[in-house]
Every structure is written in structure tokens, then in C-alpha cells.
Amino acid sequence: SKAKARGLSRDAFGMVVARVVVVGLLLVGLTAVLSQNRARIATV
């Protein structure tokens, strides 16, 4: 938004949103995987 306000070169807004979505999904997905119980023993 600052680049747009100053008339500077910038990526398309859709590309920026897509980048945020992809990074967010990767972080959330990694957290979801690592939040699972990885112990091979049921009581641990």
C-alpha cells in the first residue's frame, strides 16, 4: 500500500495476496503436522 501511494513499482495485488495465502497455509500446515503426537508409545 505504501508503494502504491508513492507511485512506486510493485507486484500485482493478486500476486501479493497469493503470496500471503501460500505462506500462511504452509505455516499453518506445518504447525498442524507437528502438533500431532509423534510418540511411538501410546502413553507418551
PDB file of all heavy atoms in Angstrom:
ATOM      1  N   SER A   1       0.827  -1.214   0.000  1.00  0.00           N
ATOM      2  CA  SER A   1       0.000   0.000   0.000  1.00  0.00           C
ATOM      3  C   SER A   1       0.863   1.267   0.000  1.00  0.00           C
ATOM      4  O   SER A   1       0.522   2.259  -0.650  1.00  0.00           O
ATOM      5  CB  SER A   1      -0.936  -0.001   1.213  1.00  0.00           C
ATOM      6  OG  SER A   1      -0.187   0.036   2.419  1.00  0.00           O
ATOM      7  N   LYS A   2       1.996   1.232   0.708  1.00  0.00           N
ATOM      8  CA  LYS A   2       2.886   2.401   0.703  1.00  0.00           C
ATOM      9  C   LYS A   2       3.488   2.611  -0.683  1.00  0.00           C
ATOM     10  O   LYS A   2       3.609   3.747  -1.147  1.00  0.00           O
ATOM     11  CB  LYS A   2       3.994   2.209   1.733  1.00  0.00           C
ATOM     12  CG  LYS A   2       3.545   2.381   3.182  1.00  0.00           C
ATOM     13  CD  LYS A   2       4.730   2.256   4.127  1.00  0.00           C
ATOM     14  CE  LYS A   2       4.297   2.509   5.567  1.00  0.00           C
ATOM     15  NZ  LYS A   2       5.449   2.402   6.512  1.00  0.00           N
ATOM     16  N   ALA A   3       3.882   1.500  -1.327  1.00  0.00           N
ATOM     17  CA  ALA A   3       4.431   1.617  -2.679  1.00  0.00           C
ATOM     18  C   ALA A   3       3.398   2.184  -3.641  1.00  0.00           C
ATOM     19  O   ALA A   3       3.709   3.012  -4.512  1.00  0.00           O
ATOM     20  CB  ALA A   3       4.923   0.253  -3.160  1.00  0.00           C
ATOM     21  N   LYS A   4       2.156   1.768  -3.495  1.00  0.00           N
ATOM     22  CA  LYS A   4       1.088   2.278  -4.355  1.00  0.00           C
ATOM     23  C   LYS A   4       0.858   3.763  -4.121  1.00  0.00           C
ATOM     24  O   LYS A   4       0.696   4.542  -5.079  1.00  0.00           O
ATOM     25  CB  LYS A   4      -0.206   1.499  -4.092  1.00  0.00           C
ATOM     26  CG  LYS A   4      -1.379   1.973  -4.951  1.00  0.00           C
ATOM     27  CD  LYS A   4      -2.645   1.205  -4.630  1.00  0.00           C
ATOM     28  CE  LYS A   4      -3.812   1.719  -5.478  1.00  0.00           C
ATOM     29  NZ  LYS A   4      -5.078   1.004  -5.168  1.00  0.00           N
ATOM     30  N   ALA A   5       0.851   4.161  -2.837  1.00  0.00           N
ATOM     31  CA  ALA A   5       0.611   5.564  -2.513  1.00  0.00           C
ATOM     32  C   ALA A   5       1.710   6.469  -3.068  1.00  0.00           C
ATOM     33  O   ALA A   5       1.452   7.620  -3.435  1.00  0.00           O
ATOM     34  CB  ALA A   5       0.508   5.733  -0.995  1.00  0.00           C
ATOM     35  N   ARG A   6       2.938   5.941  -3.142  1.00  0.00           N
ATOM     36  CA  ARG A   6       4.057   6.747  -3.637  1.00  0.00           C
ATOM     37  C   ARG A   6       4.277   6.591  -5.132  1.00  0.00           C
ATOM     38  O   ARG A   6       5.196   7.188  -5.684  1.00  0.00           O
ATOM     39  CB  ARG A   6       5.330   6.353  -2.886  1.00  0.00           C
ATOM     40  CG  ARG A   6       5.265   6.665  -1.396  1.00  0.00           C
ATOM     41  CD  ARG A   6       6.480   6.100  -0.683  1.00  0.00           C
ATOM     42  NE  ARG A   6       6.401   6.347   0.753  1.00  0.00           N
ATOM     43  CZ  ARG A   6       7.282   5.872   1.641  1.00  0.00           C
ATOM     44  NH1 ARG A   6       8.308   5.125   1.209  1.00  0.00           N
ATOM     45  NH2 ARG A   6       7.138   6.137   2.911  1.00  0.00           N
ATOM     46  N   GLY A   7       3.445   5.773  -5.768  1.00  0.00           N
ATOM     47  CA  GLY A   7       3.580   5.573  -7.202  1.00  0.00           C
ATOM     48  C   GLY A   7       4.798   4.764  -7.594  1.00  0.00           C
ATOM     49  O   GLY A   7       5.308   4.916  -8.713  1.00  0.00           O
ATOM     50  N   LEU A   8       5.272   3.898  -6.710  1.00  0.00           N
ATOM     51  CA  LEU A   8       6.461   3.101  -6.969  1.00  0.00           C
ATOM     52  C   LEU A   8       6.098   1.785  -7.643  1.00  0.00           C
ATOM     53  O   LEU A   8       4.943   1.341  -7.614  1.00  0.00           O
ATOM     54  CB  LEU A   8       7.202   2.818  -5.660  1.00  0.00           C
ATOM     55  CG  LEU A   8       7.661   4.046  -4.862  1.00  0.00           C
ATOM     56  CD1 LEU A   8       8.289   3.615  -3.548  1.00  0.00           C
ATOM     57  CD2 LEU A   8       8.635   4.889  -5.677  1.00  0.00           C
ATOM     58  N   SER A   9       7.100   1.163  -8.235  1.00  0.00           N
ATOM     59  CA  SER A   9       6.896  -0.145  -8.867  1.00  0.00           C
ATOM     60  C   SER A   9       6.541  -1.184  -7.810  1.00  0.00           C
ATOM     61  O   SER A   9       7.134  -1.202  -6.718  1.00  0.00           O
ATOM     62  CB  SER A   9       8.177  -0.565  -9.602  1.00  0.00           C
ATOM     63  OG  SER A   9       8.041  -1.866 -10.127  1.00  0.00           O
ATOM     64  N   ARG A  10       5.589  -2.059  -8.131  1.00  0.00           N
ATOM     65  CA  ARG A  10       5.121  -3.037  -7.153  1.00  0.00           C
ATOM     66  C   ARG A  10       4.502  -4.221  -7.890  1.00  0.00           C
ATOM     67  O   ARG A  10       4.148  -4.114  -9.073  1.00  0.00           O
ATOM     68  CB  ARG A  10       4.098  -2.429  -6.200  1.00  0.00           C
ATOM     69  CG  ARG A  10       2.863  -1.918  -6.929  1.00  0.00           C
ATOM     70  CD  ARG A  10       2.030  -0.972  -6.091  1.00  0.00           C
ATOM     71  NE  ARG A  10       0.851  -0.513  -6.825  1.00  0.00           N
ATOM     72  CZ  ARG A  10       0.875   0.490  -7.692  1.00  0.00           C
ATOM     73  NH1 ARG A  10       2.005   1.130  -7.952  1.00  0.00           N
ATOM     74  NH2 ARG A  10      -0.233   0.861  -8.309  1.00  0.00           N
ATOM     75  N   ASP A  11       4.389  -5.338  -7.192  1.00  0.00           N
ATOM     76  CA  ASP A  11       3.728  -6.504  -7.765  1.00  0.00           C
ATOM     77  C   ASP A  11       2.222  -6.277  -7.826  1.00  0.00           C
ATOM     78  O   ASP A  11       1.671  -5.420  -7.123  1.00  0.00           O
ATOM     79  CB  ASP A  11       4.013  -7.747  -6.915  1.00  0.00           C
ATOM     80  CG  ASP A  11       5.472  -8.179  -7.014  1.00  0.00           C
ATOM     81  OD1 ASP A  11       6.096  -7.906  -8.048  1.00  0.00           O
ATOM     82  OD2 ASP A  11       5.970  -8.786  -6.054  1.00  0.00           O
ATOM     83  N   ALA A  12       1.565  -7.072  -8.655  1.00  0.00           N
ATOM     84  CA  ALA A  12       0.105  -7.008  -8.714  1.00  0.00           C
ATOM     85  C   ALA A  12      -0.476  -7.402  -7.360  1.00  0.00           C
ATOM     86  O   ALA A  12       0.076  -8.248  -6.652  1.00  0.00           O
ATOM     87  CB  ALA A  12      -0.405  -7.940  -9.806  1.00  0.00           C
ATOM     88  N   PHE A  13      -1.593  -6.780  -6.996  1.00  0.00           N
ATOM     89  CA  PHE A  13      -2.175  -7.036  -5.682  1.00  0.00           C
ATOM     90  C   PHE A  13      -2.557  -8.501  -5.525  1.00  0.00           C
ATOM     91  O   PHE A  13      -2.393  -9.089  -4.454  1.00  0.00           O
ATOM     92  CB  PHE A  13      -3.411  -6.145  -5.486  1.00  0.00           C
ATOM     93  CG  PHE A  13      -4.036  -6.290  -4.129  1.00  0.00           C
ATOM     94  CD1 PHE A  13      -3.416  -5.781  -3.001  1.00  0.00           C
ATOM     95  CD2 PHE A  13      -5.251  -6.965  -3.981  1.00  0.00           C
ATOM     96  CE1 PHE A  13      -3.982  -5.929  -1.742  1.00  0.00           C
ATOM     97  CE2 PHE A  13      -5.828  -7.112  -2.732  1.00  0.00           C
ATOM     98  CZ  PHE A  13      -5.196  -6.593  -1.608  1.00  0.00           C
ATOM     99  N   GLY A  14      -3.068  -9.104  -6.604  1.00  0.00           N
ATOM    100  CA  GLY A  14      -3.417 -10.516  -6.530  1.00  0.00           C
ATOM    101  C   GLY A  14      -2.211 -11.393  -6.227  1.00  0.00           C
ATOM    102  O   GLY A  14      -2.313 -12.380  -5.486  1.00  0.00           O
ATOM    103  N   MET A  15      -1.040 -11.042  -6.780  1.00  0.00           N
ATOM    104  CA  MET A  15       0.181 -11.795  -6.508  1.00  0.00           C
ATOM    105  C   MET A  15       0.576 -11.655  -5.048  1.00  0.00           C
ATOM    106  O   MET A  15       1.021 -12.618  -4.405  1.00  0.00           O
ATOM    107  CB  MET A  15       1.312 -11.288  -7.404  1.00  0.00           C
ATOM    108  CG  MET A  15       2.625 -12.020  -7.230  1.00  0.00           C
ATOM    109  SD  MET A  15       2.543 -13.715  -7.818  1.00  0.00           S
ATOM    110  CE  MET A  15       2.453 -13.433  -9.598  1.00  0.00           C
ATOM    111  N   VAL A  16       0.419 -10.453  -4.500  1.00  0.00           N
ATOM    112  CA  VAL A  16       0.764 -10.224  -3.093  1.00  0.00           C
ATOM    113  C   VAL A  16      -0.142 -11.040  -2.180  1.00  0.00           C
ATOM    114  O   VAL A  16       0.319 -11.690  -1.234  1.00  0.00           O
ATOM    115  CB  VAL A  16       0.660  -8.722  -2.762  1.00  0.00           C
ATOM    116  CG1 VAL A  16       0.872  -8.475  -1.270  1.00  0.00           C
ATOM    117  CG2 VAL A  16       1.669  -7.932  -3.578  1.00  0.00           C
ATOM    118  N   VAL A  17      -1.433 -11.012  -2.464  1.00  0.00           N
ATOM    119  CA  VAL A  17      -2.384 -11.786  -1.660  1.00  0.00           C
ATOM    120  C   VAL A  17      -2.080 -13.274  -1.771  1.00  0.00           C
ATOM    121  O   VAL A  17      -2.102 -14.015  -0.772  1.00  0.00           O
ATOM    122  CB  VAL A  17      -3.833 -11.493  -2.102  1.00  0.00           C
ATOM    123  CG1 VAL A  17      -4.811 -12.425  -1.400  1.00  0.00           C
ATOM    124  CG2 VAL A  17      -4.183 -10.030  -1.816  1.00  0.00           C
ATOM    125  N   ALA A  18      -1.774 -13.737  -2.979  1.00  0.00           N
ATOM    126  CA  ALA A  18      -1.454 -15.151  -3.171  1.00  0.00           C
ATOM    127  C   ALA A  18      -0.223 -15.544  -2.361  1.00  0.00           C
ATOM    128  O   ALA A  18      -0.168 -16.631  -1.769  1.00  0.00           O
ATOM    129  CB  ALA A  18      -1.226 -15.436  -4.656  1.00  0.00           C
ATOM    130  N   ARG A  19       0.776 -14.667  -2.319  1.00  0.00           N
ATOM    131  CA  ARG A  19       1.983 -14.947  -1.546  1.00  0.00           C
ATOM    132  C   ARG A  19       1.663 -15.080  -0.066  1.00  0.00           C
ATOM    133  O   ARG A  19       2.154 -15.977   0.614  1.00  0.00           O
ATOM    134  CB  ARG A  19       2.993 -13.828  -1.783  1.00  0.00           C
ATOM    135  CG  ARG A  19       4.377 -14.093  -1.199  1.00  0.00           C
ATOM    136  CD  ARG A  19       5.303 -12.926  -1.469  1.00  0.00           C
ATOM    137  NE  ARG A  19       5.394 -12.673  -2.901  1.00  0.00           N
ATOM    138  CZ  ARG A  19       5.410 -11.473  -3.451  1.00  0.00           C
ATOM    139  NH1 ARG A  19       5.284 -10.395  -2.685  1.00  0.00           N
ATOM    140  NH2 ARG A  19       5.526 -11.339  -4.748  1.00  0.00           N
ATOM    141  N   VAL A  20       0.827 -14.180   0.435  1.00  0.00           N
ATOM    142  CA  VAL A  20       0.448 -14.238   1.852  1.00  0.00           C
ATOM    143  C   VAL A  20      -0.316 -15.525   2.147  1.00  0.00           C
ATOM    144  O   VAL A  20      -0.077 -16.190   3.159  1.00  0.00           O
ATOM    145  CB  VAL A  20      -0.408 -13.005   2.228  1.00  0.00           C
ATOM    146  CG1 VAL A  20      -0.993 -13.165   3.627  1.00  0.00           C
ATOM    147  CG2 VAL A  20       0.438 -11.737   2.157  1.00  0.00           C
ATOM    148  N   VAL A  21      -1.235 -15.887   1.262  1.00  0.00           N
ATOM    149  CA  VAL A  21      -2.037 -17.094   1.463  1.00  0.00           C
ATOM    150  C   VAL A  21      -1.153 -18.335   1.459  1.00  0.00           C
ATOM    151  O   VAL A  21      -1.295 -19.223   2.315  1.00  0.00           O
ATOM    152  CB  VAL A  21      -3.127 -17.199   0.375  1.00  0.00           C
ATOM    153  CG1 VAL A  21      -3.816 -18.562   0.433  1.00  0.00           C
ATOM    154  CG2 VAL A  21      -4.147 -16.085   0.540  1.00  0.00           C
ATOM    155  N   VAL A  22      -0.221 -18.420   0.504  1.00  0.00           N
ATOM    156  CA  VAL A  22       0.646 -19.595   0.416  1.00  0.00           C
ATOM    157  C   VAL A  22       1.515 -19.722   1.661  1.00  0.00           C
ATOM    158  O   VAL A  22       1.629 -20.808   2.258  1.00  0.00           O
ATOM    159  CB  VAL A  22       1.519 -19.521  -0.849  1.00  0.00           C
ATOM    160  CG1 VAL A  22       2.602 -20.599  -0.824  1.00  0.00           C
ATOM    161  CG2 VAL A  22       0.663 -19.692  -2.097  1.00  0.00           C
ATOM    162  N   VAL A  23       2.137 -18.625   2.073  1.00  0.00           N
ATOM    163  CA  VAL A  23       2.981 -18.664   3.273  1.00  0.00           C
ATOM    164  C   VAL A  23       2.152 -19.033   4.494  1.00  0.00           C
ATOM    165  O   VAL A  23       2.566 -19.847   5.337  1.00  0.00           O
ATOM    166  CB  VAL A  23       3.687 -17.311   3.481  1.00  0.00           C
ATOM    167  CG1 VAL A  23       4.393 -17.267   4.837  1.00  0.00           C
ATOM    168  CG2 VAL A  23       4.695 -17.063   2.370  1.00  0.00           C
ATOM    169  N   GLY A  24       0.964 -18.449   4.605  1.00  0.00           N
ATOM    170  CA  GLY A  24       0.098 -18.765   5.735  1.00  0.00           C
ATOM    171  C   GLY A  24      -0.304 -20.226   5.772  1.00  0.00           C
ATOM    172  O   GLY A  24      -0.266 -20.871   6.831  1.00  0.00           O
ATOM    173  N   LEU A  25      -0.667 -20.762   4.611  1.00  0.00           N
ATOM    174  CA  LEU A  25      -1.057 -22.175   4.557  1.00  0.00           C
ATOM    175  C   LEU A  25       0.108 -23.093   4.906  1.00  0.00           C
ATOM    176  O   LEU A  25      -0.068 -24.107   5.590  1.00  0.00           O
ATOM    177  CB  LEU A  25      -1.588 -22.511   3.166  1.00  0.00           C
ATOM    178  CG  LEU A  25      -2.952 -21.916   2.802  1.00  0.00           C
ATOM    179  CD1 LEU A  25      -3.312 -22.263   1.363  1.00  0.00           C
ATOM    180  CD2 LEU A  25      -4.037 -22.427   3.753  1.00  0.00           C
ATOM    181  N   LEU A  26       1.306 -22.745   4.439  1.00  0.00           N
ATOM    182  CA  LEU A  26       2.475 -23.557   4.757  1.00  0.00           C
ATOM    183  C   LEU A  26       2.761 -23.564   6.253  1.00  0.00           C
ATOM    184  O   LEU A  26       3.025 -24.615   6.854  1.00  0.00           O
ATOM    185  CB  LEU A  26       3.697 -23.042   3.991  1.00  0.00           C
ATOM    186  CG  LEU A  26       3.720 -23.314   2.486  1.00  0.00           C
ATOM    187  CD1 LEU A  26       4.908 -22.625   1.835  1.00  0.00           C
ATOM    188  CD2 LEU A  26       3.766 -24.811   2.215  1.00  0.00           C
ATOM    189  N   LEU A  27       2.715 -22.392   6.885  1.00  0.00           N
ATOM    190  CA  LEU A  27       2.987 -22.310   8.317  1.00  0.00           C
ATOM    191  C   LEU A  27       1.914 -23.029   9.129  1.00  0.00           C
ATOM    192  O   LEU A  27       2.226 -23.760  10.082  1.00  0.00           O
ATOM    193  CB  LEU A  27       3.091 -20.843   8.750  1.00  0.00           C
ATOM    194  CG  LEU A  27       4.321 -20.078   8.252  1.00  0.00           C
ATOM    195  CD1 LEU A  27       4.260 -18.620   8.695  1.00  0.00           C
ATOM    196  CD2 LEU A  27       5.601 -20.726   8.760  1.00  0.00           C
ATOM    197  N   VAL A  28       0.660 -22.820   8.769  1.00  0.00           N
ATOM    198  CA  VAL A  28      -0.432 -23.478   9.481  1.00  0.00           C
ATOM    199  C   VAL A  28      -0.367 -24.992   9.273  1.00  0.00           C
ATOM    200  O   VAL A  28      -0.545 -25.775  10.213  1.00  0.00           O
ATOM    201  CB  VAL A  28      -1.793 -22.922   9.017  1.00  0.00           C
ATOM    202  CG1 VAL A  28      -2.937 -23.762   9.568  1.00  0.00           C
ATOM    203  CG2 VAL A  28      -1.951 -21.472   9.471  1.00  0.00           C
ATOM    204  N   GLY A  29      -0.084 -25.404   8.040  1.00  0.00           N
ATOM    205  CA  GLY A  29       0.016 -26.839   7.764  1.00  0.00           C
ATOM    206  C   GLY A  29       1.149 -27.488   8.527  1.00  0.00           C
ATOM    207  O   GLY A  29       0.997 -28.594   9.083  1.00  0.00           O
ATOM    208  N   LEU A  30       2.314 -26.827   8.571  1.00  0.00           N
ATOM    209  CA  LEU A  30       3.454 -27.377   9.313  1.00  0.00           C
ATOM    210  C   LEU A  30       3.133 -27.472  10.795  1.00  0.00           C
ATOM    211  O   LEU A  30       3.445 -28.478  11.454  1.00  0.00           O
ATOM    212  CB  LEU A  30       4.683 -26.497   9.090  1.00  0.00           C
ATOM    213  CG  LEU A  30       5.958 -26.932   9.822  1.00  0.00           C
ATOM    214  CD1 LEU A  30       6.402 -28.310   9.360  1.00  0.00           C
ATOM    215  CD2 LEU A  30       7.074 -25.912   9.612  1.00  0.00           C
ATOM    216  N   THR A  31       2.484 -26.435  11.331  1.00  0.00           N
ATOM    217  CA  THR A  31       2.118 -26.458  12.750  1.00  0.00           C
ATOM    218  C   THR A  31       1.124 -27.574  13.038  1.00  0.00           C
ATOM    219  O   THR A  31       1.212 -28.260  14.063  1.00  0.00           O
ATOM    220  CB  THR A  31       1.527 -25.103  13.168  1.00  0.00           C
ATOM    221  OG1 THR A  31       2.468 -24.069  12.871  1.00  0.00           O
ATOM    222  CG2 THR A  31       1.221 -25.082  14.656  1.00  0.00           C
ATOM    223  N   ALA A  32       0.173 -27.766  12.126  1.00  0.00           N
ATOM    224  CA  ALA A  32      -0.821 -28.831  12.317  1.00  0.00           C
ATOM    225  C   ALA A  32      -0.156 -30.200  12.323  1.00  0.00           C
ATOM    226  O   ALA A  32      -0.484 -31.070  13.147  1.00  0.00           O
ATOM    227  CB  ALA A  32      -1.876 -28.758  11.213  1.00  0.00           C
ATOM    228  N   VAL A  33       0.806 -30.398  11.427  1.00  0.00           N
ATOM    229  CA  VAL A  33       1.508 -31.686  11.378  1.00  0.00           C
ATOM    230  C   VAL A  33       2.330 -31.898  12.646  1.00  0.00           C
ATOM    231  O   VAL A  33       2.293 -32.980  13.266  1.00  0.00           O
ATOM    232  CB  VAL A  33       2.409 -31.745  10.133  1.00  0.00           C
ATOM    233  CG1 VAL A  33       3.323 -32.972  10.191  1.00  0.00           C
ATOM    234  CG2 VAL A  33       1.561 -31.790   8.868  1.00  0.00           C
ATOM    235  N   LEU A  34       3.068 -30.875  13.053  1.00  0.00           N
ATOM    236  CA  LEU A  34       3.937 -31.015  14.224  1.00  0.00           C
ATOM    237  C   LEU A  34       3.162 -31.029  15.539  1.00  0.00           C
ATOM    238  O   LEU A  34       3.720 -31.399  16.574  1.00  0.00           O
ATOM    239  CB  LEU A  34       4.972 -29.883  14.245  1.00  0.00           C
ATOM    240  CG  LEU A  34       5.963 -29.871  13.075  1.00  0.00           C
ATOM    241  CD1 LEU A  34       6.931 -28.704  13.199  1.00  0.00           C
ATOM    242  CD2 LEU A  34       6.729 -31.184  13.007  1.00  0.00           C
ATOM    243  N   SER A  35       1.907 -30.616  15.508  1.00  0.00           N
ATOM    244  CA  SER A  35       1.091 -30.657  16.727  1.00  0.00           C
ATOM    245  C   SER A  35       0.527 -32.044  17.009  1.00  0.00           C
ATOM    246  O   SER A  35      -0.065 -32.275  18.061  1.00  0.00           O
ATOM    247  CB  SER A  35      -0.061 -29.648  16.619  1.00  0.00           C
ATOM    248  OG  SER A  35       0.432 -28.315  16.553  1.00  0.00           O
ATOM    249  N   GLN A  36       0.696 -32.955  16.058  1.00  0.00           N
ATOM    250  CA  GLN A  36       0.249 -34.325  16.289  1.00  0.00           C
ATOM    251  C   GLN A  36       1.193 -35.042  17.248  1.00  0.00           C
ATOM    252  O   GLN A  36       2.368 -34.701  17.357  1.00  0.00           O
ATOM    253  CB  GLN A  36       0.198 -35.088  14.962  1.00  0.00           C
ATOM    254  CG  GLN A  36      -0.728 -34.484  13.923  1.00  0.00           C
ATOM    255  CD  GLN A  36      -0.634 -35.222  12.594  1.00  0.00           C
ATOM    256  OE1 GLN A  36      -0.226 -36.381  12.531  1.00  0.00           O
ATOM    257  NE2 GLN A  36      -1.009 -34.544  11.518  1.00  0.00           N
ATOM    258  N   ASN A  37       0.670 -36.040  17.935  1.00  0.00           N
ATOM    259  CA  ASN A  37       1.502 -36.832  18.839  1.00  0.00           C
ATOM    260  C   ASN A  37       2.406 -37.747  18.016  1.00  0.00           C
ATOM    261  O   ASN A  37       1.945 -38.630  17.296  1.00  0.00           O
ATOM    262  CB  ASN A  37       0.624 -37.658  19.783  1.00  0.00           C
ATOM    263  CG  ASN A  37       1.448 -38.392  20.826  1.00  0.00           C
ATOM    264  OD1 ASN A  37       2.646 -38.148  20.983  1.00  0.00           O
ATOM    265  ND2 ASN A  37       0.819 -39.289  21.546  1.00  0.00           N
ATOM    266  N   ARG A  38       3.730 -37.508  18.117  1.00  0.00           N
ATOM    267  CA  ARG A  38       4.692 -38.262  17.316  1.00  0.00           C
ATOM    268  C   ARG A  38       5.296 -39.439  18.069  1.00  0.00           C
ATOM    269  O   ARG A  38       6.141 -40.161  17.517  1.00  0.00           O
ATOM    270  CB  ARG A  38       5.828 -37.332  16.871  1.00  0.00           C
ATOM    271  CG  ARG A  38       5.340 -36.089  16.151  1.00  0.00           C
ATOM    272  CD  ARG A  38       6.482 -35.281  15.597  1.00  0.00           C
ATOM    273  NE  ARG A  38       7.307 -34.672  16.627  1.00  0.00           N
ATOM    274  CZ  ARG A  38       7.092 -33.490  17.153  1.00  0.00           C
ATOM    275  NH1 ARG A  38       6.028 -32.783  16.781  1.00  0.00           N
ATOM    276  NH2 ARG A  38       7.900 -32.988  18.068  1.00  0.00           N
ATOM    277  N   ALA A  39       4.906 -39.627  19.305  1.00  0.00           N
ATOM    278  CA  ALA A  39       5.475 -40.706  20.116  1.00  0.00           C
ATOM    279  C   ALA A  39       4.998 -42.067  19.617  1.00  0.00           C
ATOM    280  O   ALA A  39       3.847 -42.222  19.196  1.00  0.00           O
ATOM    281  CB  ALA A  39       5.097 -40.526  21.577  1.00  0.00           C
ATOM    282  N   ARG A  40       5.901 -43.022  19.648  1.00  0.00           N
ATOM    283  CA  ARG A  40       5.560 -44.372  19.232  1.00  0.00           C
ATOM    284  C   ARG A  40       4.949 -45.181  20.362  1.00  0.00           C
ATOM    285  O   ARG A  40       4.460 -46.283  20.151  1.00  0.00           O
ATOM    286  CB  ARG A  40       6.813 -45.080  18.707  1.00  0.00           C
ATOM    287  CG  ARG A  40       7.419 -44.402  17.474  1.00  0.00           C
ATOM    288  CD  ARG A  40       8.636 -45.152  16.980  1.00  0.00           C
ATOM    289  NE  ARG A  40       9.213 -44.520  15.793  1.00  0.00           N
ATOM    290  CZ  ARG A  40      10.283 -44.962  15.158  1.00  0.00           C
ATOM    291  NH1 ARG A  40      10.912 -46.067  15.588  1.00  0.00           N
ATOM    292  NH2 ARG A  40      10.746 -44.324  14.099  1.00  0.00           N
ATOM    293  N   ILE A  41       5.012 -44.630  21.562  1.00  0.00           N
ATOM    294  CA  ILE A  41       4.416 -45.284  22.731  1.00  0.00           C
ATOM    295  C   ILE A  41       3.132 -44.545  23.085  1.00  0.00           C
ATOM    296  O   ILE A  41       3.125 -43.313  23.227  1.00  0.00           O
ATOM    297  CB  ILE A  41       5.384 -45.282  23.928  1.00  0.00           C
ATOM    298  CG1 ILE A  41       6.701 -45.968  23.534  1.00  0.00           C
ATOM    299  CG2 ILE A  41       4.768 -45.980  25.126  1.00  0.00           C
ATOM    300  CD1 ILE A  41       7.771 -45.894  24.601  1.00  0.00           C
ATOM    301  N   ALA A  42       2.050 -45.271  23.233  1.00  0.00           N
ATOM    302  CA  ALA A  42       0.729 -44.654  23.429  1.00  0.00           C
ATOM    303  C   ALA A  42       0.659 -43.805  24.686  1.00  0.00           C
ATOM    304  O   ALA A  42      -0.081 -42.816  24.741  1.00  0.00           O
ATOM    305  CB  ALA A  42      -0.347 -45.737  23.463  1.00  0.00           C
ATOM    306  N   THR A  43       1.423 -44.157  25.708  1.00  0.00           N
ATOM    307  CA  THR A  43       1.352 -43.446  26.982  1.00  0.00           C
ATOM    308  C   THR A  43       2.242 -42.204  27.028  1.00  0.00           C
ATOM    309  O   THR A  43       2.267 -41.498  28.036  1.00  0.00           O
ATOM    310  CB  THR A  43       1.758 -44.389  28.129  1.00  0.00           C
ATOM    311  OG1 THR A  43       3.069 -44.899  27.870  1.00  0.00           O
ATOM    312  CG2 THR A  43       0.764 -45.532  28.254  1.00  0.00           C
ATOM    313  N   VAL A  44       2.976 -41.945  25.956  1.00  0.00           N
ATOM    314  CA  VAL A  44       3.904 -40.810  25.918  1.00  0.00           C
ATOM    315  C   VAL A  44       3.356 -39.747  24.969  1.00  0.00           C
ATOM    316  O   VAL A  44       2.858 -40.053  23.886  1.00  0.00           O
ATOM    317  CB  VAL A  44       5.313 -41.263  25.452  1.00  0.00           C
ATOM    318  CG1 VAL A  44       6.240 -40.059  25.318  1.00  0.00           C
ATOM    319  CG2 VAL A  44       5.883 -42.296  26.411  1.00  0.00           C
TER     320      VAL A  44
END
